[in-house]
Amino acid sequence: MEQSKEVRMKLPIDWQIPKDLSSRYATHLVVQHTEHEFVLSFFEILPPTLFGAPELVSAKMEQLKSIEAECFARIVVAANRMPGFVAVLQENLEKYRSREDIEEE
């Protein structure tokens, strides 16, 4: 009986970003996890648009019961891939913070 040999090759990745892919500004992130995956939900909160005299704006603000957070993307990541994603984010955050023109907040 003939056994087939597994052939492995390394190929470069050609990263493609669709031209019609929209970018959104994430103001909040919710992370949930199960035994096998992480679910990252990205939200944008826009402040309410209020016009008028300061006392009118204050009165309208007091009437608000909540502010809507719109989830515009939900990404599911396999649990075994999450450490690598976190490492890449941490590395880039450190590079960002090491720039001379960035002040620590």
C-alpha atoms as a PDB file:
ATOM      1  CA  MET A   1       0.000   0.000   0.000  1.00  0.00           C
ATOM      2  CA  GLU A   2       1.434   3.349  -1.022  1.00  0.00           C
ATOM      3  CA  GLN A   3       1.445   6.125   1.587  1.00  0.00           C
ATOM      4  CA  SER A   4       1.027   9.685   0.485  1.00  0.00           C
ATOM      5  CA  LYS A   5       3.509  12.196   1.833  1.00  0.00           C
ATOM      6  CA  GLU A   6       2.284  15.515   3.100  1.00  0.00           C
ATOM      7  CA  VAL A   7       3.805  18.423   1.240  1.00  0.00           C
ATOM      8  CA  ARG A   8       4.126  21.733   3.058  1.00  0.00           C
ATOM      9  CA  MET A   9       4.928  25.024   1.436  1.00  0.00           C
ATOM     10  CA  LYS A  10       5.225  28.524   2.787  1.00  0.00           C
ATOM     11  CA  LEU A  11       3.545  31.078   0.601  1.00  0.00           C
ATOM     12  CA  PRO A  12       3.438  34.822   1.198  1.00  0.00           C
ATOM     13  CA  ILE A  13       0.062  36.292   2.101  1.00  0.00           C
ATOM     14  CA  ASP A  14      -1.366  38.872  -0.272  1.00  0.00           C
ATOM     15  CA  TRP A  15      -3.442  41.027   2.112  1.00  0.00           C
ATOM     16  CA  GLN A  16      -6.575  42.324   0.383  1.00  0.00           C
ATOM     17  CA  ILE A  17      -8.857  45.033   1.779  1.00  0.00           C
ATOM     18  CA  PRO A  18     -12.020  45.518  -0.284  1.00  0.00           C
ATOM     19  CA  LYS A  19     -12.392  49.058  -1.611  1.00  0.00           C
ATOM     20  CA  ASP A  20     -15.962  49.239  -0.336  1.00  0.00           C
ATOM     21  CA  LEU A  21     -15.074  48.145   3.211  1.00  0.00           C
ATOM     22  CA  SER A  22     -16.078  50.948   5.551  1.00  0.00           C
ATOM     23  CA  SER A  23     -14.069  51.942   8.596  1.00  0.00           C
ATOM     24  CA  ARG A  24     -15.853  52.800  11.810  1.00  0.00           C
ATOM     25  CA  TYR A  25     -14.618  54.451  14.979  1.00  0.00           C
ATOM     26  CA  ALA A  26     -14.872  52.043  17.908  1.00  0.00           C
ATOM     27  CA  THR A  27     -15.517  53.804  21.200  1.00  0.00           C
ATOM     28  CA  HIS A  28     -16.280  50.621  23.157  1.00  0.00           C
ATOM     29  CA  LEU A  29     -15.363  46.952  23.021  1.00  0.00           C
ATOM     30  CA  VAL A  30     -17.096  44.021  24.694  1.00  0.00           C
ATOM     31  CA  VAL A  31     -15.153  40.762  24.938  1.00  0.00           C
ATOM     32  CA  GLN A  32     -16.900  37.494  25.728  1.00  0.00           C
ATOM     33  CA  HIS A  33     -15.522  33.981  25.610  1.00  0.00           C
ATOM     34  CA  THR A  34     -16.545  30.372  25.573  1.00  0.00           C
ATOM     35  CA  GLU A  35     -14.412  27.284  25.960  1.00  0.00           C
ATOM     36  CA  HIS A  36     -13.289  27.468  22.328  1.00  0.00           C
ATOM     37  CA  GLU A  37     -13.601  31.057  21.146  1.00  0.00           C
ATOM     38  CA  PHE A  38     -13.508  34.752  21.934  1.00  0.00           C
ATOM     39  CA  VAL A  39     -16.222  37.067  20.664  1.00  0.00           C
ATOM     40  CA  LEU A  40     -15.177  40.701  20.217  1.00  0.00           C
ATOM     41  CA  SER A  41     -18.054  43.140  19.706  1.00  0.00           C
ATOM     42  CA  PHE A  42     -17.146  46.651  18.586  1.00  0.00           C
ATOM     43  CA  PHE A  43     -19.500  49.518  19.406  1.00  0.00           C
ATOM     44  CA  GLU A  44     -19.756  53.186  18.554  1.00  0.00           C
ATOM     45  CA  ILE A  45     -21.463  55.586  20.913  1.00  0.00           C
ATOM     46  CA  LEU A  46     -22.382  58.967  19.508  1.00  0.00           C
ATOM     47  CA  PRO A  47     -23.359  61.716  21.914  1.00  0.00           C
ATOM     48  CA  PRO A  48     -26.908  62.954  21.489  1.00  0.00           C
ATOM     49  CA  THR A  49     -27.297  66.018  19.307  1.00  0.00           C
ATOM     50  CA  LEU A  50     -28.804  68.696  21.521  1.00  0.00           C
ATOM     51  CA  PHE A  51     -29.345  72.327  20.544  1.00  0.00           C
ATOM     52  CA  GLY A  52     -30.515  75.399  22.362  1.00  0.00           C
ATOM     53  CA  ALA A  53     -29.713  77.468  25.395  1.00  0.00           C
ATOM     54  CA  PRO A  54     -27.601  75.794  28.106  1.00  0.00           C
ATOM     55  CA  GLU A  55     -30.595  75.382  30.437  1.00  0.00           C
ATOM     56  CA  LEU A  56     -32.611  73.756  27.618  1.00  0.00           C
ATOM     57  CA  VAL A  57     -29.755  71.370  26.799  1.00  0.00           C
ATOM     58  CA  SER A  58     -29.429  70.486  30.499  1.00  0.00           C
ATOM     59  CA  ALA A  59     -33.157  69.770  30.734  1.00  0.00           C
ATOM     60  CA  LYS A  60     -33.007  67.534  27.658  1.00  0.00           C
ATOM     61  CA  MET A  61     -29.965  65.707  29.097  1.00  0.00           C
ATOM     62  CA  GLU A  62     -31.829  65.001  32.322  1.00  0.00           C
ATOM     63  CA  GLN A  63     -34.669  63.434  30.324  1.00  0.00           C
ATOM     64  CA  LEU A  64     -32.364  60.932  28.616  1.00  0.00           C
ATOM     65  CA  LYS A  65     -32.710  57.396  29.978  1.00  0.00           C
ATOM     66  CA  SER A  66     -29.837  55.902  27.974  1.00  0.00           C
ATOM     67  CA  ILE A  67     -27.476  56.453  25.084  1.00  0.00           C
ATOM     68  CA  GLU A  68     -27.445  53.956  22.238  1.00  0.00           C
ATOM     69  CA  ALA A  69     -24.304  51.936  21.561  1.00  0.00           C
ATOM     70  CA  GLU A  70     -24.402  50.552  18.012  1.00  0.00           C
ATOM     71  CA  CYS A  71     -22.586  47.273  17.431  1.00  0.00           C
ATOM     72  CA  PHE A  72     -21.069  47.579  13.964  1.00  0.00           C
ATOM     73  CA  ALA A  73     -18.780  44.542  13.967  1.00  0.00           C
ATOM     74  CA  ARG A  74     -18.537  41.242  15.784  1.00  0.00           C
ATOM     75  CA  ILE A  75     -15.413  39.163  15.327  1.00  0.00           C
ATOM     76  CA  VAL A  76     -15.081  35.568  16.545  1.00  0.00           C
ATOM     77  CA  VAL A  77     -11.516  34.383  17.232  1.00  0.00           C
ATOM     78  CA  ALA A  78     -10.532  30.791  17.982  1.00  0.00           C
ATOM     79  CA  ALA A  79      -9.190  30.571  21.541  1.00  0.00           C
ATOM     80  CA  ASN A  80      -5.861  29.117  20.403  1.00  0.00           C
ATOM     81  CA  ARG A  81      -5.301  32.158  18.117  1.00  0.00           C
ATOM     82  CA  MET A  82      -6.101  34.798  20.746  1.00  0.00           C
ATOM     83  CA  PRO A  83      -2.661  34.866  22.453  1.00  0.00           C
ATOM     84  CA  GLY A  84      -1.007  35.709  19.117  1.00  0.00           C
ATOM     85  CA  PHE A  85      -3.556  38.467  18.436  1.00  0.00           C
ATOM     86  CA  VAL A  86      -3.022  39.936  21.903  1.00  0.00           C
ATOM     87  CA  ALA A  87       0.763  39.815  21.412  1.00  0.00           C
ATOM     88  CA  VAL A  88       0.517  41.710  18.107  1.00  0.00           C
ATOM     89  CA  LEU A  89      -1.736  44.338  19.695  1.00  0.00           C
ATOM     90  CA  GLN A  90       0.611  44.705  22.693  1.00  0.00           C
ATOM     91  CA  GLU A  91       3.655  45.027  20.431  1.00  0.00           C
ATOM     92  CA  ASN A  92       2.003  47.751  18.376  1.00  0.00           C
ATOM     93  CA  LEU A  93       0.789  49.590  21.467  1.00  0.00           C
ATOM     94  CA  GLU A  94       4.357  49.610  22.781  1.00  0.00           C
ATOM     95  CA  LYS A  95       5.644  50.943  19.439  1.00  0.00           C
ATOM     96  CA  TYR A  96       2.972  53.644  19.516  1.00  0.00           C
ATOM     97  CA  ARG A  97       3.843  54.665  23.070  1.00  0.00           C
ATOM     98  CA  SER A  98       7.575  54.734  22.344  1.00  0.00           C
ATOM     99  CA  ARG A  99       7.170  57.469  19.743  1.00  0.00           C
ATOM    100  CA  GLU A 100       8.641  60.722  21.017  1.00  0.00           C
ATOM    101  CA  ASP A 101       5.693  62.809  19.897  1.00  0.00           C
ATOM    102  CA  ILE A 102       3.195  60.774  21.977  1.00  0.00           C
ATOM    103  CA  GLU A 103       2.575  61.846  25.543  1.00  0.00           C
ATOM    104  CA  GLU A 104       1.467  59.328  28.135  1.00  0.00           C
ATOM    105  CA  GLU A 105      -2.145  59.837  29.113  1.00  0.00           C
END
